[in-house]
Amino acid sequence: GVGNTTAAAAFALALAQANPEKKVLVFSTDPAHSLSDSFNEEIGESKHGIGGTKNLDGMEIDPGKWFEDLKTRYRTWTDELFESLSGGSRMEIKFDREAMRELVELTPPGIDEIAALGTISDLVDSERYHTFVLDTAPTGHLIRFLELPQVALSWIRTFMKLLLKYKDVMRANQVAEELVALSKSIKKVLALLTDPERCEFIGVAIPERMSLEETVDLARSLEKLNVPLRKLLINGVVPVEKCRFCKARRAMQDEVIGEFQTKFRRRSVELFIAPQQPHEIMGAEDLGEHFKSWEKVSRNGATAQRKAP
């Protein structure tokens, strides 16, 4: 609800328009698919030339659905695997079958989103795009996963240890191969997202204290990963007008923005503010105007019009 999807869409559009010789992909893992709403056009799993900009492509992937499909395949495979077995210890086979089914259900939080991002790692390797703008789901799963990557990798290793007992069975080999590919994909995405030379996290907040505390927690998490938060956009700032209520509201917001400055000054974070819009931001024209309205907040609290990227 802080406007991160709108910010991602506006920035990706401005970036593509400012660099027509470079291809940009804006990619969403938010199951609400609000990227389509921001551009006011259906993007789906792949769309070229969104926003009327030839060098800007878009993708929307629902990581929950994507991973549920994967788990459904695993359930089918394990059922077929154990139904095909005969001989040996039936009690042991029954235990392994139930253990695998439980493992499929007990997937670590965030693995769905990071696994769906395997699509990005493939595109990075293909060098098809110069820049990726990723609009993450606002659940915080991705950050928690980046902090505890071994949890997901351990989940995969445990699954594979069970499968190795049945390595001579064709179906077991197929499942193992996909798990190996998933493990490699997760490691590649982790390496990319935690490389400060190749990846940057940009925070999006609103001028309210709860949002301030959440953003401070986000910055701390990213610092532990050695991926600094260098830029922060504060959305929904009430324009200065003659309306008494608007003036009072803006005064309260300015107080919180001042607290943002105090909290993030030592982290060398560039602060930007974006005015609250009188209507919903939809389509390329609205996104362009929204981006142009972003203002950089200086150290002393003054604002300066943001230059195009």
C-alpha atoms as a PDB file:
ATOM      1  CA  GLY A   1       0.000   0.000   0.000  1.00  0.00           C
ATOM      2  CA  VAL A   2       2.992   2.376  -0.078  1.00  0.00           C
ATOM      3  CA  GLY A   3       3.129   2.583  -3.882  1.00  0.00           C
ATOM      4  CA  ASN A   4       6.154   0.382  -4.578  1.00  0.00           C
ATOM      5  CA  THR A   5       4.660  -1.066  -7.782  1.00  0.00           C
ATOM      6  CA  THR A   6       3.810   2.386  -9.134  1.00  0.00           C
ATOM      7  CA  ALA A   7       7.323   3.575  -8.254  1.00  0.00           C
ATOM      8  CA  ALA A   8       8.914   0.557  -9.974  1.00  0.00           C
ATOM      9  CA  ALA A   9       6.782   1.060 -13.085  1.00  0.00           C
ATOM     10  CA  ALA A  10       7.490   4.814 -13.238  1.00  0.00           C
ATOM     11  CA  PHE A  11      11.230   4.315 -12.765  1.00  0.00           C
ATOM     12  CA  ALA A  12      11.462   1.501 -15.340  1.00  0.00           C
ATOM     13  CA  LEU A  13       9.584   3.598 -17.905  1.00  0.00           C
ATOM     14  CA  ALA A  14      11.773   6.666 -17.292  1.00  0.00           C
ATOM     15  CA  LEU A  15      14.932   4.549 -17.433  1.00  0.00           C
ATOM     16  CA  ALA A  16      13.932   2.953 -20.743  1.00  0.00           C
ATOM     17  CA  GLN A  17      12.931   6.278 -22.298  1.00  0.00           C
ATOM     18  CA  ALA A  18      16.184   7.921 -21.196  1.00  0.00           C
ATOM     19  CA  ASN A  19      18.252   5.040 -22.635  1.00  0.00           C
ATOM     20  CA  PRO A  20      16.535   3.944 -25.872  1.00  0.00           C
ATOM     21  CA  GLU A  21      19.582   1.901 -26.922  1.00  0.00           C
ATOM     22  CA  LYS A  22      19.321  -0.350 -23.840  1.00  0.00           C
ATOM     23  CA  LYS A  23      16.640  -2.942 -23.093  1.00  0.00           C
ATOM     24  CA  VAL A  24      14.895  -2.807 -19.718  1.00  0.00           C
ATOM     25  CA  LEU A  25      12.691  -5.448 -18.106  1.00  0.00           C
ATOM     26  CA  VAL A  26      10.276  -4.599 -15.307  1.00  0.00           C
ATOM     27  CA  PHE A  27       9.455  -7.812 -13.449  1.00  0.00           C
ATOM     28  CA  SER A  28       6.843  -8.385 -10.744  1.00  0.00           C
ATOM     29  CA  THR A  29       6.527 -11.201  -8.231  1.00  0.00           C
ATOM     30  CA  ASP A  30       3.492  -9.621  -6.558  1.00  0.00           C
ATOM     31  CA  PRO A  31       0.591 -12.072  -6.988  1.00  0.00           C
ATOM     32  CA  ALA A  32      -1.837  -9.128  -7.076  1.00  0.00           C
ATOM     33  CA  HIS A  33      -0.490  -8.312 -10.571  1.00  0.00           C
ATOM     34  CA  SER A  34      -0.701  -4.564  -9.966  1.00  0.00           C
ATOM     35  CA  LEU A  35       1.971  -3.915 -12.581  1.00  0.00           C
ATOM     36  CA  SER A  36      -0.724  -4.298 -15.229  1.00  0.00           C
ATOM     37  CA  ASP A  37      -2.834  -1.756 -13.332  1.00  0.00           C
ATOM     38  CA  SER A  38       0.049   0.725 -13.226  1.00  0.00           C
ATOM     39  CA  PHE A  39       0.641   0.546 -16.990  1.00  0.00           C
ATOM     40  CA  ASN A  40      -3.092   0.193 -17.660  1.00  0.00           C
ATOM     41  CA  GLU A  41      -2.447  -2.723 -19.997  1.00  0.00           C
ATOM     42  CA  GLU A  42      -2.379  -6.477 -19.588  1.00  0.00           C
ATOM     43  CA  ILE A  43       1.207  -7.649 -19.110  1.00  0.00           C
ATOM     44  CA  GLY A  44       0.835 -11.262 -18.007  1.00  0.00           C
ATOM     45  CA  GLU A  45       3.796 -13.623 -18.162  1.00  0.00           C
ATOM     46  CA  SER A  46       5.475 -11.624 -20.928  1.00  0.00           C
ATOM     47  CA  LYS A  47       4.748  -8.392 -22.800  1.00  0.00           C
ATOM     48  CA  HIS A  48       7.026  -6.483 -25.178  1.00  0.00           C
ATOM     49  CA  GLY A  49       7.045  -2.724 -25.674  1.00  0.00           C
ATOM     50  CA  ILE A  50       4.879  -1.821 -22.688  1.00  0.00           C
ATOM     51  CA  GLY A  51       3.926   1.784 -22.122  1.00  0.00           C
ATOM     52  CA  GLY A  52       4.469   2.420 -25.825  1.00  0.00           C
ATOM     53  CA  THR A  53       8.224   2.104 -25.250  1.00  0.00           C
ATOM     54  CA  LYS A  54       9.936  -0.363 -27.586  1.00  0.00           C
ATOM     55  CA  ASN A  55      12.869  -1.151 -25.304  1.00  0.00           C
ATOM     56  CA  LEU A  56      10.721  -1.810 -22.206  1.00  0.00           C
ATOM     57  CA  ASP A  57       9.355  -5.299 -21.577  1.00  0.00           C
ATOM     58  CA  GLY A  58       7.332  -6.574 -18.650  1.00  0.00           C
ATOM     59  CA  MET A  59       6.692  -9.851 -16.820  1.00  0.00           C
ATOM     60  CA  GLU A  60       4.266 -10.762 -14.055  1.00  0.00           C
ATOM     61  CA  ILE A  61       4.746 -14.077 -12.282  1.00  0.00           C
ATOM     62  CA  ASP A  62       2.655 -15.271  -9.364  1.00  0.00           C
ATOM     63  CA  PRO A  63       5.307 -17.082  -7.285  1.00  0.00           C
ATOM     64  CA  GLY A  64       2.684 -18.795  -5.133  1.00  0.00           C
ATOM     65  CA  LYS A  65       0.929 -20.299  -8.159  1.00  0.00           C
ATOM     66  CA  TRP A  66       4.275 -21.077  -9.826  1.00  0.00           C
ATOM     67  CA  PHE A  67       5.523 -22.966  -6.775  1.00  0.00           C
ATOM     68  CA  GLU A  68       2.183 -24.678  -6.143  1.00  0.00           C
ATOM     69  CA  ASP A  69       2.395 -26.094  -9.672  1.00  0.00           C
ATOM     70  CA  LEU A  70       5.895 -27.329  -8.843  1.00  0.00           C
ATOM     71  CA  LYS A  71       4.689 -28.952  -5.604  1.00  0.00           C
ATOM     72  CA  THR A  72       1.808 -30.605  -7.467  1.00  0.00           C
ATOM     73  CA  ARG A  73       4.331 -32.172  -9.844  1.00  0.00           C
ATOM     74  CA  TYR A  74       6.407 -33.380  -6.898  1.00  0.00           C
ATOM     75  CA  ARG A  75       3.356 -34.951  -5.260  1.00  0.00           C
ATOM     76  CA  THR A  76       2.460 -36.730  -8.504  1.00  0.00           C
ATOM     77  CA  TRP A  77       6.023 -37.916  -9.023  1.00  0.00           C
ATOM     78  CA  THR A  78       6.427 -39.255  -5.486  1.00  0.00           C
ATOM     79  CA  ASP A  79       3.057 -41.049  -5.641  1.00  0.00           C
ATOM     80  CA  GLU A  80       3.955 -42.659  -8.971  1.00  0.00           C
ATOM     81  CA  LEU A  81       7.445 -43.493  -7.708  1.00  0.00           C
ATOM     82  CA  PHE A  82       6.279 -45.407  -4.632  1.00  0.00           C
ATOM     83  CA  GLU A  83       3.343 -47.056  -6.380  1.00  0.00           C
ATOM     84  CA  SER A  84       5.832 -48.539  -8.860  1.00  0.00           C
ATOM     85  CA  LEU A  85       8.023 -50.072  -6.152  1.00  0.00           C
ATOM     86  CA  SER A  86       7.699 -53.630  -4.926  1.00  0.00           C
ATOM     87  CA  GLY A  87       9.790 -55.759  -2.591  1.00  0.00           C
ATOM     88  CA  GLY A  88      12.124 -54.442   0.086  1.00  0.00           C
ATOM     89  CA  SER A  89      10.883 -53.088   3.379  1.00  0.00           C
ATOM     90  CA  ARG A  90       7.323 -51.900   2.874  1.00  0.00           C
ATOM     91  CA  MET A  91       7.458 -50.088   6.213  1.00  0.00           C
ATOM     92  CA  GLU A  92      10.551 -48.136   5.138  1.00  0.00           C
ATOM     93  CA  ILE A  93       8.991 -47.297   1.748  1.00  0.00           C
ATOM     94  CA  LYS A  94       5.801 -46.134   3.468  1.00  0.00           C
ATOM     95  CA  PHE A  95       7.853 -43.937   5.814  1.00  0.00           C
ATOM     96  CA  ASP A  96       9.849 -42.406   2.923  1.00  0.00           C
ATOM     97  CA  ARG A  97       6.688 -41.718   0.955  1.00  0.00           C
ATOM     98  CA  GLU A  98       5.058 -39.901   3.875  1.00  0.00           C
ATOM     99  CA  ALA A  99       8.304 -38.022   4.620  1.00  0.00           C
ATOM    100  CA  MET A 100       8.497 -36.760   1.034  1.00  0.00           C
ATOM    101  CA  ARG A 101       4.872 -35.656   1.030  1.00  0.00           C
ATOM    102  CA  GLU A 102       5.460 -33.761   4.287  1.00  0.00           C
ATOM    103  CA  LEU A 103       8.574 -32.128   2.815  1.00  0.00           C
ATOM    104  CA  VAL A 104       6.557 -30.921  -0.166  1.00  0.00           C
ATOM    105  CA  GLU A 105       4.076 -29.248   2.186  1.00  0.00           C
ATOM    106  CA  LEU A 106       6.662 -27.783   4.579  1.00  0.00           C
ATOM    107  CA  THR A 107       8.500 -25.539   2.134  1.00  0.00           C
ATOM    108  CA  PRO A 108      10.357 -22.586   3.715  1.00  0.00           C
ATOM    109  CA  PRO A 109       8.662 -19.168   3.382  1.00  0.00           C
ATOM    110  CA  GLY A 110      10.095 -17.130   0.532  1.00  0.00           C
ATOM    111  CA  ILE A 111      11.378 -20.082  -1.485  1.00  0.00           C
ATOM    112  CA  ASP A 112       8.454 -19.627  -3.882  1.00  0.00           C
ATOM    113  CA  GLU A 113       9.507 -16.078  -4.734  1.00  0.00           C
ATOM    114  CA  ILE A 114      13.217 -16.842  -5.018  1.00  0.00           C
ATOM    115  CA  ALA A 115      12.500 -19.915  -7.164  1.00  0.00           C
ATOM    116  CA  ALA A 116      10.272 -17.860  -9.476  1.00  0.00           C
ATOM    117  CA  LEU A 117      13.185 -15.435  -9.808  1.00  0.00           C
ATOM    118  CA  GLY A 118      15.097 -18.242 -11.483  1.00  0.00           C
ATOM    119  CA  THR A 119      13.541 -16.840 -14.653  1.00  0.00           C
ATOM    120  CA  ILE A 120      15.561 -13.678 -14.071  1.00  0.00           C
ATOM    121  CA  SER A 121      18.833 -15.577 -13.638  1.00  0.00           C
ATOM    122  CA  ASP A 122      18.279 -17.236 -17.016  1.00  0.00           C
ATOM    123  CA  LEU A 123      17.624 -13.844 -18.645  1.00  0.00           C
ATOM    124  CA  VAL A 124      20.731 -12.361 -16.988  1.00  0.00           C
ATOM    125  CA  ASP A 125      22.821 -15.153 -18.480  1.00  0.00           C
ATOM    126  CA  SER A 126      21.310 -14.529 -21.921  1.00  0.00           C
ATOM    127  CA  GLU A 127      22.405 -10.832 -21.727  1.00  0.00           C
ATOM    128  CA  ARG A 128      19.154  -9.910 -23.443  1.00  0.00           C
ATOM    129  CA  TYR A 129      18.484  -7.023 -21.047  1.00  0.00           C
ATOM    130  CA  HIS A 130      20.744  -4.288 -19.731  1.00  0.00           C
ATOM    131  CA  THR A 131      18.706  -3.544 -16.585  1.00  0.00           C
ATOM    132  CA  PHE A 132      16.067  -5.350 -14.533  1.00  0.00           C
ATOM    133  CA  VAL A 133      13.633  -3.448 -12.332  1.00  0.00           C
ATOM    134  CA  LEU A 134      12.113  -5.912  -9.865  1.00  0.00           C
ATOM    135  CA  ASP A 135       8.895  -5.129  -8.013  1.00  0.00           C
ATOM    136  CA  THR A 136       8.927  -7.590  -5.115  1.00  0.00           C
ATOM    137  CA  ALA A 137       5.873  -8.810  -3.252  1.00  0.00           C
ATOM    138  CA  PRO A 138       5.377  -6.718  -0.063  1.00  0.00           C
ATOM    139  CA  THR A 139       5.443  -9.712   2.282  1.00  0.00           C
ATOM    140  CA  GLY A 140       9.056  -9.465   3.378  1.00  0.00           C
ATOM    141  CA  HIS A 141       9.578 -13.141   2.507  1.00  0.00           C
ATOM    142  CA  LEU A 142      12.304 -12.283   0.015  1.00  0.00           C
ATOM    143  CA  ILE A 143      14.418 -10.419   2.583  1.00  0.00           C
ATOM    144  CA  ARG A 144      13.930 -13.158   5.190  1.00  0.00           C
ATOM    145  CA  PHE A 145      14.930 -15.726   2.620  1.00  0.00           C
ATOM    146  CA  LEU A 146      18.077 -13.791   1.699  1.00  0.00           C
ATOM    147  CA  GLU A 147      18.971 -13.736   5.401  1.00  0.00           C
ATOM    148  CA  LEU A 148      18.471 -17.517   5.773  1.00  0.00           C
ATOM    149  CA  PRO A 149      19.271 -19.080   2.379  1.00  0.00           C
ATOM    150  CA  GLN A 150      20.562 -22.309   3.931  1.00  0.00           C
ATOM    151  CA  VAL A 151      17.049 -23.137   5.157  1.00  0.00           C
ATOM    152  CA  ALA A 152      15.789 -23.567   1.592  1.00  0.00           C
ATOM    153  CA  LEU A 153      18.932 -25.297   0.392  1.00  0.00           C
ATOM    154  CA  SER A 154      18.736 -27.703   3.342  1.00  0.00           C
ATOM    155  CA  TRP A 155      15.122 -28.430   2.382  1.00  0.00           C
ATOM    156  CA  ILE A 156      16.267 -29.402  -1.118  1.00  0.00           C
ATOM    157  CA  ARG A 157      19.193 -31.484   0.183  1.00  0.00           C
ATOM    158  CA  THR A 158      16.900 -33.428   2.527  1.00  0.00           C
ATOM    159  CA  PHE A 159      14.525 -34.148  -0.341  1.00  0.00           C
ATOM    160  CA  MET A 160      17.426 -35.363  -2.479  1.00  0.00           C
ATOM    161  CA  LYS A 161      18.821 -37.643   0.262  1.00  0.00           C
ATOM    162  CA  LEU A 162      15.501 -39.475   0.282  1.00  0.00           C
ATOM    163  CA  LEU A 163      15.497 -39.695  -3.494  1.00  0.00           C
ATOM    164  CA  LEU A 164      19.039 -41.121  -3.598  1.00  0.00           C
ATOM    165  CA  LYS A 165      17.739 -44.272  -1.949  1.00  0.00           C
ATOM    166  CA  TYR A 166      15.725 -44.814  -5.135  1.00  0.00           C
ATOM    167  CA  LYS A 167      18.297 -43.538  -7.622  1.00  0.00           C
ATOM    168  CA  ASP A 168      17.853 -46.578  -9.880  1.00  0.00           C
ATOM    169  CA  VAL A 169      14.210 -45.694 -10.477  1.00  0.00           C
ATOM    170  CA  MET A 170      13.612 -43.531 -13.583  1.00  0.00           C
ATOM    171  CA  ARG A 171      11.057 -41.226 -11.963  1.00  0.00           C
ATOM    172  CA  ALA A 172      13.359 -40.591  -8.998  1.00  0.00           C
ATOM    173  CA  ASN A 173      16.116 -39.438 -11.363  1.00  0.00           C
ATOM    174  CA  GLN A 174      13.781 -36.961 -13.046  1.00  0.00           C
ATOM    175  CA  VAL A 175      12.742 -35.410  -9.737  1.00  0.00           C
ATOM    176  CA  ALA A 176      16.377 -35.257  -8.578  1.00  0.00           C
ATOM    177  CA  GLU A 177      17.442 -33.476 -11.766  1.00  0.00           C
ATOM    178  CA  GLU A 178      14.791 -30.808 -11.272  1.00  0.00           C
ATOM    179  CA  LEU A 179      15.780 -30.361  -7.627  1.00  0.00           C
ATOM    180  CA  VAL A 180      19.439 -29.934  -8.665  1.00  0.00           C
ATOM    181  CA  ALA A 181      18.368 -27.312 -11.227  1.00  0.00           C
ATOM    182  CA  LEU A 182      16.268 -25.537  -8.565  1.00  0.00           C
ATOM    183  CA  SER A 183      19.206 -25.515  -6.151  1.00  0.00           C
ATOM    184  CA  LYS A 184      21.535 -24.022  -8.789  1.00  0.00           C
ATOM    185  CA  SER A 185      18.938 -21.419  -9.720  1.00  0.00           C
ATOM    186  CA  ILE A 186      18.497 -20.374  -6.077  1.00  0.00           C
ATOM    187  CA  LYS A 187      22.266 -20.008  -5.614  1.00  0.00           C
ATOM    188  CA  LYS A 188      22.559 -17.891  -8.785  1.00  0.00           C
ATOM    189  CA  VAL A 189      19.723 -15.582  -7.745  1.00  0.00           C
ATOM    190  CA  LEU A 190      21.167 -15.257  -4.221  1.00  0.00           C
ATOM    191  CA  ALA A 191      24.561 -14.341  -5.675  1.00  0.00           C
ATOM    192  CA  LEU A 192      22.959 -11.693  -7.896  1.00  0.00           C
ATOM    193  CA  LEU A 193      20.695 -10.118  -5.269  1.00  0.00           C
ATOM    194  CA  THR A 194      23.487  -9.890  -2.676  1.00  0.00           C
ATOM    195  CA  ASP A 195      26.083  -8.419  -5.050  1.00  0.00           C
ATOM    196  CA  PRO A 196      26.205  -4.636  -4.352  1.00  0.00           C
ATOM    197  CA  GLU A 197      28.021  -4.062  -7.649  1.00  0.00           C
ATOM    198  CA  ARG A 198      25.168  -5.554  -9.671  1.00  0.00           C
ATOM    199  CA  CYS A 199      22.078  -5.074  -7.529  1.00  0.00           C
ATOM    200  CA  GLU A 200      20.589  -2.227  -5.521  1.00  0.00           C
ATOM    201  CA  PHE A 201      17.553  -2.252  -3.257  1.00  0.00           C
ATOM    202  CA  ILE A 202      15.453   0.921  -3.343  1.00  0.00           C
ATOM    203  CA  GLY A 203      13.023   1.466  -0.499  1.00  0.00           C
ATOM    204  CA  VAL A 204       9.527   2.882  -0.905  1.00  0.00           C
ATOM    205  CA  ALA A 205       7.696   4.288   2.114  1.00  0.00           C
ATOM    206  CA  ILE A 206       4.991   6.738   3.130  1.00  0.00           C
ATOM    207  CA  PRO A 207       5.381   9.622   5.635  1.00  0.00           C
ATOM    208  CA  GLU A 208       3.974   7.714   8.616  1.00  0.00           C
ATOM    209  CA  ARG A 209       5.834   6.423  11.671  1.00  0.00           C
ATOM    210  CA  MET A 210       4.826   2.790  11.168  1.00  0.00           C
ATOM    211  CA  SER A 211       6.256   2.919   7.653  1.00  0.00           C
ATOM    212  CA  LEU A 212       9.373   4.592   9.061  1.00  0.00           C
ATOM    213  CA  GLU A 213       9.973   1.748  11.531  1.00  0.00           C
ATOM    214  CA  GLU A 214       9.365  -0.904   8.858  1.00  0.00           C
ATOM    215  CA  THR A 215      11.858   0.831   6.558  1.00  0.00           C
ATOM    216  CA  VAL A 216      14.475   1.021   9.322  1.00  0.00           C
ATOM    217  CA  ASP A 217      14.038  -2.737   9.873  1.00  0.00           C
ATOM    218  CA  LEU A 218      14.440  -3.285   6.123  1.00  0.00           C
ATOM    219  CA  ALA A 219      17.650  -1.242   6.067  1.00  0.00           C
ATOM    220  CA  ARG A 220      19.074  -3.245   8.981  1.00  0.00           C
ATOM    221  CA  SER A 221      18.289  -6.529   7.227  1.00  0.00           C
ATOM    222  CA  LEU A 222      19.957  -5.344   4.039  1.00  0.00           C
ATOM    223  CA  GLU A 223      23.033  -4.134   5.951  1.00  0.00           C
ATOM    224  CA  LYS A 224      23.501  -7.652   7.347  1.00  0.00           C
ATOM    225  CA  LEU A 225      23.526  -8.889   3.748  1.00  0.00           C
ATOM    226  CA  ASN A 226      26.081  -6.205   2.753  1.00  0.00           C
ATOM    227  CA  VAL A 227      23.531  -4.835   0.277  1.00  0.00           C
ATOM    228  CA  PRO A 228      23.051  -1.190   1.241  1.00  0.00           C
ATOM    229  CA  LEU A 229      19.829   0.753   0.809  1.00  0.00           C
ATOM    230  CA  ARG A 230      21.132   3.807  -1.091  1.00  0.00           C
ATOM    231  CA  LYS A 231      17.856   5.403  -2.197  1.00  0.00           C
ATOM    232  CA  LEU A 232      14.490   5.805  -0.522  1.00  0.00           C
ATOM    233  CA  LEU A 233      11.303   7.233  -2.011  1.00  0.00           C
ATOM    234  CA  ILE A 234       8.657   8.619   0.352  1.00  0.00           C
ATOM    235  CA  ASN A 235       5.301   8.520  -1.419  1.00  0.00           C
ATOM    236  CA  GLY A 236       2.020  10.290  -0.750  1.00  0.00           C
ATOM    237  CA  VAL A 237       3.337  13.638   0.502  1.00  0.00           C
ATOM    238  CA  VAL A 238       0.471  16.151   0.672  1.00  0.00           C
ATOM    239  CA  PRO A 239       1.155  19.188  -1.580  1.00  0.00           C
ATOM    240  CA  VAL A 240       1.443  22.537   0.216  1.00  0.00           C
ATOM    241  CA  GLU A 241      -1.886  24.291  -0.349  1.00  0.00           C
ATOM    242  CA  LYS A 242      -4.084  26.946   1.256  1.00  0.00           C
ATOM    243  CA  CYS A 243      -6.435  24.327   2.710  1.00  0.00           C
ATOM    244  CA  ARG A 244      -6.107  24.388   6.531  1.00  0.00           C
ATOM    245  CA  PHE A 245      -6.473  20.621   6.821  1.00  0.00           C
ATOM    246  CA  CYS A 246      -3.872  20.053   4.076  1.00  0.00           C
ATOM    247  CA  LYS A 247      -1.420  22.374   5.826  1.00  0.00           C
ATOM    248  CA  ALA A 248      -1.883  20.558   9.136  1.00  0.00           C
ATOM    249  CA  ARG A 249      -1.502  17.163   7.459  1.00  0.00           C
ATOM    250  CA  ARG A 250       1.634  18.293   5.618  1.00  0.00           C
ATOM    251  CA  ALA A 251       3.127  19.640   8.863  1.00  0.00           C
ATOM    252  CA  MET A 252       2.691  16.196  10.449  1.00  0.00           C
ATOM    253  CA  GLN A 253       4.233  14.536   7.406  1.00  0.00           C
ATOM    254  CA  ASP A 254       7.190  16.943   7.397  1.00  0.00           C
ATOM    255  CA  GLU A 255       7.875  15.956  10.989  1.00  0.00           C
ATOM    256  CA  VAL A 256       8.037  12.274   9.993  1.00  0.00           C
ATOM    257  CA  ILE A 257      10.150  13.076   6.911  1.00  0.00           C
ATOM    258  CA  GLY A 258      12.555  14.831   9.284  1.00  0.00           C
ATOM    259  CA  GLU A 259      12.733  11.616  11.321  1.00  0.00           C
ATOM    260  CA  PHE A 260      13.458   9.685   8.117  1.00  0.00           C
ATOM    261  CA  GLN A 261      16.355  12.090   7.487  1.00  0.00           C
ATOM    262  CA  THR A 262      17.718  11.627  10.999  1.00  0.00           C
ATOM    263  CA  LYS A 263      17.477   7.822  10.867  1.00  0.00           C
ATOM    264  CA  PHE A 264      18.993   7.461   7.396  1.00  0.00           C
ATOM    265  CA  ARG A 265      21.561  10.273   7.358  1.00  0.00           C
ATOM    266  CA  ARG A 266      24.322   8.070   8.783  1.00  0.00           C
ATOM    267  CA  ARG A 267      23.490   5.388   6.228  1.00  0.00           C
ATOM    268  CA  SER A 268      24.138   7.879   3.384  1.00  0.00           C
ATOM    269  CA  VAL A 269      20.703   7.219   1.893  1.00  0.00           C
ATOM    270  CA  GLU A 270      19.403   9.613  -0.759  1.00  0.00           C
ATOM    271  CA  LEU A 271      15.841  10.623   0.139  1.00  0.00           C
ATOM    272  CA  PHE A 272      13.212  11.511  -2.459  1.00  0.00           C
ATOM    273  CA  ILE A 273       9.609  12.579  -1.949  1.00  0.00           C
ATOM    274  CA  ALA A 274       6.672  12.159  -4.313  1.00  0.00           C
ATOM    275  CA  PRO A 275       3.460  14.187  -3.952  1.00  0.00           C
ATOM    276  CA  GLN A 276       0.117  12.580  -3.304  1.00  0.00           C
ATOM    277  CA  GLN A 277      -1.794  12.446  -6.592  1.00  0.00           C
ATOM    278  CA  PRO A 278      -5.435  13.560  -6.903  1.00  0.00           C
ATOM    279  CA  HIS A 279      -6.233  10.434  -8.921  1.00  0.00           C
ATOM    280  CA  GLU A 280      -5.003   6.877  -9.406  1.00  0.00           C
ATOM    281  CA  ILE A 281      -1.789   6.649 -11.439  1.00  0.00           C
ATOM    282  CA  MET A 282      -2.538   4.532 -14.497  1.00  0.00           C
ATOM    283  CA  GLY A 283      -0.869   4.416 -17.900  1.00  0.00           C
ATOM    284  CA  ALA A 284       2.408   5.674 -19.332  1.00  0.00           C
ATOM    285  CA  GLU A 285       1.460   9.358 -19.247  1.00  0.00           C
ATOM    286  CA  ASP A 286       0.520   9.278 -15.548  1.00  0.00           C
ATOM    287  CA  LEU A 287       3.653   7.279 -14.711  1.00  0.00           C
ATOM    288  CA  GLY A 288       5.818   9.790 -16.559  1.00  0.00           C
ATOM    289  CA  GLU A 289       4.274  12.712 -14.686  1.00  0.00           C
ATOM    290  CA  HIS A 290       4.605  10.847 -11.404  1.00  0.00           C
ATOM    291  CA  PHE A 291       8.322  10.248 -11.969  1.00  0.00           C
ATOM    292  CA  LYS A 292       8.936  13.891 -12.930  1.00  0.00           C
ATOM    293  CA  SER A 293       7.350  14.994  -9.651  1.00  0.00           C
ATOM    294  CA  TRP A 294       9.904  13.158  -7.521  1.00  0.00           C
ATOM    295  CA  GLU A 295      12.078  15.602  -5.593  1.00  0.00           C
ATOM    296  CA  LYS A 296      15.360  14.933  -3.864  1.00  0.00           C
ATOM    297  CA  VAL A 297      15.527  15.982  -0.220  1.00  0.00           C
ATOM    298  CA  SER A 298      18.782  17.699   0.657  1.00  0.00           C
ATOM    299  CA  ARG A 299      20.630  17.348   3.953  1.00  0.00           C
ATOM    300  CA  ASN A 300      19.039  20.522   5.318  1.00  0.00           C
ATOM    301  CA  GLY A 301      15.524  19.382   4.435  1.00  0.00           C
ATOM    302  CA  ALA A 302      15.068  21.447   1.276  1.00  0.00           C
ATOM    303  CA  THR A 303      13.917  19.747  -1.924  1.00  0.00           C
ATOM    304  CA  ALA A 304      15.324  19.934  -5.433  1.00  0.00           C
ATOM    305  CA  GLN A 305      13.632  18.685  -8.612  1.00  0.00           C
ATOM    306  CA  ARG A 306      14.910  15.239  -9.470  1.00  0.00           C
ATOM    307  CA  LYS A 307      16.798  14.899 -12.728  1.00  0.00           C
ATOM    308  CA  ALA A 308      15.960  12.097 -15.177  1.00  0.00           C
ATOM    309  CA  PRO A 309      18.056   8.921 -14.659  1.00  0.00           C
END
